[in-house]
Amino acid sequence: MTRHIIDDRTEQLNASVLKRFGEIEHREAGTLSDRAKILHRQRRETDRSRMRHYARIERGLSA
């Protein structure tokens, strides 16, 4: 891969890691907004198989 593509991917990864830590900090502090929670759920419930997987977890069944 060319250098700028590698740098771009590294930047994206760093941004996603920082965003994730930000979400965790807000969740621990209890300041994560309802909208952010809804968006988080939407991300993981986009396709049917993942939706079923998370529905099982929320009902207390094993993954």
PDB file of N, CA and C in Angstrom:
ATOM      1  N   MET A   1       0.841  -1.197   0.000  1.00  0.00           N
ATOM      2  CA  MET A   1       0.000   0.000   0.000  1.00  0.00           C
ATOM      3  C   MET A   1       0.877   1.248   0.000  1.00  0.00           C
ATOM      4  N   THR A   2       0.314   2.280  -0.563  1.00  0.00           N
ATOM      5  CA  THR A   2       1.100   3.517  -0.567  1.00  0.00           C
ATOM      6  C   THR A   2       1.038   4.174   0.803  1.00  0.00           C
ATOM      7  N   ARG A   3       1.989   5.026   1.025  1.00  0.00           N
ATOM      8  CA  ARG A   3       2.161   5.642   2.351  1.00  0.00           C
ATOM      9  C   ARG A   3       0.928   6.428   2.805  1.00  0.00           C
ATOM     10  N   HIS A   4       0.320   7.219   1.893  1.00  0.00           N
ATOM     11  CA  HIS A   4      -0.803   8.052   2.325  1.00  0.00           C
ATOM     12  C   HIS A   4      -2.032   7.219   2.688  1.00  0.00           C
ATOM     13  N   ILE A   5      -2.203   6.071   2.042  1.00  0.00           N
ATOM     14  CA  ILE A   5      -3.326   5.195   2.393  1.00  0.00           C
ATOM     15  C   ILE A   5      -3.107   4.613   3.790  1.00  0.00           C
ATOM     16  N   ILE A   6      -1.893   4.196   4.080  1.00  0.00           N
ATOM     17  CA  ILE A   6      -1.579   3.658   5.412  1.00  0.00           C
ATOM     18  C   ILE A   6      -1.806   4.726   6.481  1.00  0.00           C
ATOM     19  N   ASP A   7      -1.327   5.948   6.224  1.00  0.00           N
ATOM     20  CA  ASP A   7      -1.513   7.044   7.179  1.00  0.00           C
ATOM     21  C   ASP A   7      -2.989   7.327   7.402  1.00  0.00           C
ATOM     22  N   ASP A   8      -3.775   7.307   6.306  1.00  0.00           N
ATOM     23  CA  ASP A   8      -5.204   7.583   6.403  1.00  0.00           C
ATOM     24  C   ASP A   8      -5.899   6.520   7.250  1.00  0.00           C
ATOM     25  N   ARG A   9      -5.569   5.268   7.025  1.00  0.00           N
ATOM     26  CA  ARG A   9      -6.187   4.185   7.805  1.00  0.00           C
ATOM     27  C   ARG A   9      -5.794   4.268   9.270  1.00  0.00           C
ATOM     28  N   THR A  10      -4.546   4.637   9.535  1.00  0.00           N
ATOM     29  CA  THR A  10      -4.090   4.791  10.916  1.00  0.00           C
ATOM     30  C   THR A  10      -4.872   5.909  11.591  1.00  0.00           C
ATOM     31  N   GLU A  11      -5.090   7.005  10.853  1.00  0.00           N
ATOM     32  CA  GLU A  11      -5.851   8.126  11.400  1.00  0.00           C
ATOM     33  C   GLU A  11      -7.280   7.704  11.723  1.00  0.00           C
ATOM     34  N   GLN A  12      -7.906   6.963  10.810  1.00  0.00           N
ATOM     35  CA  GLN A  12      -9.276   6.491  11.037  1.00  0.00           C
ATOM     36  C   GLN A  12      -9.337   5.594  12.262  1.00  0.00           C
ATOM     37  N   LEU A  13      -8.363   4.713  12.403  1.00  0.00           N
ATOM     38  CA  LEU A  13      -8.325   3.802  13.539  1.00  0.00           C
ATOM     39  C   LEU A  13      -8.164   4.577  14.839  1.00  0.00           C
ATOM     40  N   ASN A  14      -7.242   5.530  14.853  1.00  0.00           N
ATOM     41  CA  ASN A  14      -7.038   6.344  16.049  1.00  0.00           C
ATOM     42  C   ASN A  14      -8.302   7.103  16.417  1.00  0.00           C
ATOM     43  N   ALA A  15      -8.995   7.648  15.418  1.00  0.00           N
ATOM     44  CA  ALA A  15     -10.226   8.389  15.670  1.00  0.00           C
ATOM     45  C   ALA A  15     -11.291   7.467  16.249  1.00  0.00           C
ATOM     46  N   SER A  16     -11.403   6.245  15.719  1.00  0.00           N
ATOM     47  CA  SER A  16     -12.434   5.329  16.216  1.00  0.00           C
ATOM     48  C   SER A  16     -12.116   4.863  17.634  1.00  0.00           C
ATOM     49  N   VAL A  17     -10.830   4.661  17.924  1.00  0.00           N
ATOM     50  CA  VAL A  17     -10.439   4.255  19.279  1.00  0.00           C
ATOM     51  C   VAL A  17     -10.734   5.372  20.264  1.00  0.00           C
ATOM     52  N   LEU A  18     -10.376   6.598  19.905  1.00  0.00           N
ATOM     53  CA  LEU A  18     -10.639   7.739  20.788  1.00  0.00           C
ATOM     54  C   LEU A  18     -12.137   7.932  20.997  1.00  0.00           C
ATOM     55  N   LYS A  19     -12.924   7.757  19.930  1.00  0.00           N
ATOM     56  CA  LYS A  19     -14.377   7.890  20.040  1.00  0.00           C
ATOM     57  C   LYS A  19     -14.922   6.836  21.005  1.00  0.00           C
ATOM     58  N   ARG A  20     -14.412   5.625  20.881  1.00  0.00           N
ATOM     59  CA  ARG A  20     -14.864   4.529  21.742  1.00  0.00           C
ATOM     60  C   ARG A  20     -14.547   4.827  23.207  1.00  0.00           C
ATOM     61  N   PHE A  21     -13.331   5.302  23.476  1.00  0.00           N
ATOM     62  CA  PHE A  21     -12.979   5.639  24.851  1.00  0.00           C
ATOM     63  C   PHE A  21     -13.847   6.779  25.365  1.00  0.00           C
ATOM     64  N   GLY A  22     -14.179   7.717  24.490  1.00  0.00           N
ATOM     65  CA  GLY A  22     -15.071   8.817  24.869  1.00  0.00           C
ATOM     66  C   GLY A  22     -16.435   8.288  25.276  1.00  0.00           C
ATOM     67  N   GLU A  23     -16.965   7.328  24.507  1.00  0.00           N
ATOM     68  CA  GLU A  23     -18.260   6.720  24.839  1.00  0.00           C
ATOM     69  C   GLU A  23     -18.191   6.021  26.187  1.00  0.00           C
ATOM     70  N   ILE A  24     -17.105   5.294  26.431  1.00  0.00           N
ATOM     71  CA  ILE A  24     -16.959   4.558  27.689  1.00  0.00           C
ATOM     72  C   ILE A  24     -16.910   5.526  28.867  1.00  0.00           C
ATOM     73  N   GLU A  25     -16.146   6.611  28.728  1.00  0.00           N
ATOM     74  CA  GLU A  25     -16.055   7.603  29.805  1.00  0.00           C
ATOM     75  C   GLU A  25     -17.411   8.215  30.098  1.00  0.00           C
ATOM     76  N   HIS A  26     -18.154   8.562  29.046  1.00  0.00           N
ATOM     77  CA  HIS A  26     -19.476   9.157  29.248  1.00  0.00           C
ATOM     78  C   HIS A  26     -20.432   8.165  29.893  1.00  0.00           C
ATOM     79  N   ARG A  27     -20.337   6.904  29.485  1.00  0.00           N
ATOM     80  CA  ARG A  27     -21.225   5.890  30.041  1.00  0.00           C
ATOM     81  C   ARG A  27     -20.953   5.707  31.531  1.00  0.00           C
ATOM     82  N   GLU A  28     -19.662   5.693  31.896  1.00  0.00           N
ATOM     83  CA  GLU A  28     -19.297   5.546  33.305  1.00  0.00           C
ATOM     84  C   GLU A  28     -19.777   6.742  34.117  1.00  0.00           C
ATOM     85  N   ALA A  29     -19.717   7.929  33.521  1.00  0.00           N
ATOM     86  CA  ALA A  29     -20.139   9.141  34.221  1.00  0.00           C
ATOM     87  C   ALA A  29     -21.658   9.318  34.163  1.00  0.00           C
ATOM     88  N   GLY A  30     -22.322   8.498  33.346  1.00  0.00           N
ATOM     89  CA  GLY A  30     -23.779   8.592  33.219  1.00  0.00           C
ATOM     90  C   GLY A  30     -24.220   9.771  32.375  1.00  0.00           C
ATOM     91  N   THR A  31     -23.335  10.263  31.509  1.00  0.00           N
ATOM     92  CA  THR A  31     -23.675  11.435  30.702  1.00  0.00           C
ATOM     93  C   THR A  31     -23.875  11.106  29.229  1.00  0.00           C
ATOM     94  N   LEU A  32     -23.886   9.831  28.879  1.00  0.00           N
ATOM     95  CA  LEU A  32     -24.117   9.453  27.485  1.00  0.00           C
ATOM     96  C   LEU A  32     -25.584   9.734  27.157  1.00  0.00           C
ATOM     97  N   SER A  33     -25.824  10.544  26.158  1.00  0.00           N
ATOM     98  CA  SER A  33     -27.190  10.967  25.855  1.00  0.00           C
ATOM     99  C   SER A  33     -28.025   9.803  25.314  1.00  0.00           C
ATOM    100  N   ASP A  34     -29.337   9.951  25.402  1.00  0.00           N
ATOM    101  CA  ASP A  34     -30.240   8.925  24.872  1.00  0.00           C
ATOM    102  C   ASP A  34     -30.032   8.755  23.372  1.00  0.00           C
ATOM    103  N   ARG A  35     -29.815   9.867  22.686  1.00  0.00           N
ATOM    104  CA  ARG A  35     -29.602   9.804  21.235  1.00  0.00           C
ATOM    105  C   ARG A  35     -28.353   8.985  20.908  1.00  0.00           C
ATOM    106  N   ALA A  36     -27.295   9.170  21.672  1.00  0.00           N
ATOM    107  CA  ALA A  36     -26.067   8.407  21.431  1.00  0.00           C
ATOM    108  C   ALA A  36     -26.310   6.922  21.680  1.00  0.00           C
ATOM    109  N   LYS A  37     -27.106   6.604  22.698  1.00  0.00           N
ATOM    110  CA  LYS A  37     -27.429   5.203  22.979  1.00  0.00           C
ATOM    111  C   LYS A  37     -28.218   4.596  21.822  1.00  0.00           C
ATOM    112  N   ILE A  38     -29.178   5.362  21.306  1.00  0.00           N
ATOM    113  CA  ILE A  38     -29.990   4.881  20.186  1.00  0.00           C
ATOM    114  C   ILE A  38     -29.111   4.647  18.960  1.00  0.00           C
ATOM    115  N   LEU A  39     -28.214   5.589  18.677  1.00  0.00           N
ATOM    116  CA  LEU A  39     -27.321   5.428  17.526  1.00  0.00           C
ATOM    117  C   LEU A  39     -26.418   4.220  17.706  1.00  0.00           C
ATOM    118  N   HIS A  40     -25.963   3.986  18.921  1.00  0.00           N
ATOM    119  CA  HIS A  40     -25.118   2.825  19.194  1.00  0.00           C
ATOM    120  C   HIS A  40     -25.888   1.535  18.917  1.00  0.00           C
ATOM    121  N   ARG A  41     -27.154   1.486  19.345  1.00  0.00           N
ATOM    122  CA  ARG A  41     -27.980   0.301  19.100  1.00  0.00           C
ATOM    123  C   ARG A  41     -28.226   0.113  17.604  1.00  0.00           C
ATOM    124  N   GLN A  42     -28.465   1.212  16.892  1.00  0.00           N
ATOM    125  CA  GLN A  42     -28.723   1.112  15.455  1.00  0.00           C
ATOM    126  C   GLN A  42     -27.525   0.532  14.716  1.00  0.00           C
ATOM    127  N   ARG A  43     -26.329   0.927  15.139  1.00  0.00           N
ATOM    128  CA  ARG A  43     -25.126   0.417  14.471  1.00  0.00           C
ATOM    129  C   ARG A  43     -25.066  -1.098  14.525  1.00  0.00           C
ATOM    130  N   ARG A  44     -25.435  -1.660  15.667  1.00  0.00           N
ATOM    131  CA  ARG A  44     -25.278  -3.107  15.808  1.00  0.00           C
ATOM    132  C   ARG A  44     -26.506  -3.874  15.334  1.00  0.00           C
ATOM    133  N   GLU A  45     -27.603  -3.184  15.058  1.00  0.00           N
ATOM    134  CA  GLU A  45     -28.834  -3.868  14.663  1.00  0.00           C
ATOM    135  C   GLU A  45     -29.160  -3.641  13.191  1.00  0.00           C
ATOM    136  N   THR A  46     -28.135  -3.466  12.381  1.00  0.00           N
ATOM    137  CA  THR A  46     -28.396  -3.157  10.977  1.00  0.00           C
ATOM    138  C   THR A  46     -28.781  -4.382  10.167  1.00  0.00           C
ATOM    139  N   ASP A  47     -28.187  -5.529  10.416  1.00  0.00           N
ATOM    140  CA  ASP A  47     -28.596  -6.703   9.646  1.00  0.00           C
ATOM    141  C   ASP A  47     -29.265  -7.743  10.550  1.00  0.00           C
ATOM    142  N   ARG A  48     -30.015  -8.627   9.920  1.00  0.00           N
ATOM    143  CA  ARG A  48     -30.868  -9.562  10.662  1.00  0.00           C
ATOM    144  C   ARG A  48     -30.117 -10.476  11.617  1.00  0.00           C
ATOM    145  N   SER A  49     -29.004 -11.040  11.164  1.00  0.00           N
ATOM    146  CA  SER A  49     -28.307 -12.018  12.007  1.00  0.00           C
ATOM    147  C   SER A  49     -27.726 -11.348  13.249  1.00  0.00           C
ATOM    148  N   ARG A  50     -27.189 -10.143  13.081  1.00  0.00           N
ATOM    149  CA  ARG A  50     -26.647  -9.430  14.245  1.00  0.00           C
ATOM    150  C   ARG A  50     -27.784  -9.008  15.169  1.00  0.00           C
ATOM    151  N   MET A  51     -28.933  -8.637  14.590  1.00  0.00           N
ATOM    152  CA  MET A  51     -30.075  -8.229  15.397  1.00  0.00           C
ATOM    153  C   MET A  51     -30.521  -9.404  16.277  1.00  0.00           C
ATOM    154  N   ARG A  52     -30.601 -10.591  15.685  1.00  0.00           N
ATOM    155  CA  ARG A  52     -30.975 -11.783  16.448  1.00  0.00           C
ATOM    156  C   ARG A  52     -29.963 -12.067  17.545  1.00  0.00           C
ATOM    157  N   HIS A  53     -28.685 -11.937  17.204  1.00  0.00           N
ATOM    158  CA  HIS A  53     -27.601 -12.182  18.159  1.00  0.00           C
ATOM    159  C   HIS A  53     -27.752 -11.270  19.385  1.00  0.00           C
ATOM    160  N   TYR A  54     -27.970  -9.977  19.168  1.00  0.00           N
ATOM    161  CA  TYR A  54     -28.084  -9.050  20.292  1.00  0.00           C
ATOM    162  C   TYR A  54     -29.407  -9.212  21.033  1.00  0.00           C
ATOM    163  N   ALA A  55     -30.456  -9.616  20.326  1.00  0.00           N
ATOM    164  CA  ALA A  55     -31.731  -9.863  20.999  1.00  0.00           C
ATOM    165  C   ALA A  55     -31.577 -11.019  21.983  1.00  0.00           C
ATOM    166  N   ARG A  56     -30.828 -12.048  21.592  1.00  0.00           N
ATOM    167  CA  ARG A  56     -30.586 -13.186  22.488  1.00  0.00           C
ATOM    168  C   ARG A  56     -29.800 -12.745  23.721  1.00  0.00           C
ATOM    169  N   ILE A  57     -28.795 -11.895  23.520  1.00  0.00           N
ATOM    170  CA  ILE A  57     -27.989 -11.417  24.644  1.00  0.00           C
ATOM    171  C   ILE A  57     -28.867 -10.631  25.615  1.00  0.00           C
ATOM    172  N   GLU A  58     -29.730  -9.761  25.075  1.00  0.00           N
ATOM    173  CA  GLU A  58     -30.560  -8.922  25.933  1.00  0.00           C
ATOM    174  C   GLU A  58     -31.600  -9.739  26.697  1.00  0.00           C
ATOM    175  N   ARG A  59     -32.007 -10.878  26.141  1.00  0.00           N
ATOM    176  CA  ARG A  59     -32.949 -11.738  26.869  1.00  0.00           C
ATOM    177  C   ARG A  59     -32.241 -12.612  27.883  1.00  0.00           C
ATOM    178  N   GLY A  60     -30.924 -12.571  27.894  1.00  0.00           N
ATOM    179  CA  GLY A  60     -30.171 -13.335  28.880  1.00  0.00           C
ATOM    180  C   GLY A  60     -29.718 -14.693  28.393  1.00  0.00           C
ATOM    181  N   LEU A  61     -29.880 -14.953  27.105  1.00  0.00           N
ATOM    182  CA  LEU A  61     -29.414 -16.218  26.556  1.00  0.00           C
ATOM    183  C   LEU A  61     -27.963 -16.062  26.138  1.00  0.00           C
ATOM    184  N   SER A  62     -27.299 -17.159  25.959  1.00  0.00           N
ATOM    185  CA  SER A  62     -25.886 -17.077  25.581  1.00  0.00           C
ATOM    186  C   SER A  62     -25.750 -16.644  24.126  1.00  0.00           C
ATOM    187  N   ALA A  63     -24.620 -16.072  23.816  1.00  0.00           N
ATOM    188  CA  ALA A  63     -24.359 -15.636  22.436  1.00  0.00           C
ATOM    189  C   ALA A  63     -23.992 -16.855  21.627  1.00  0.00           C
TER     190      ALA A  63
END
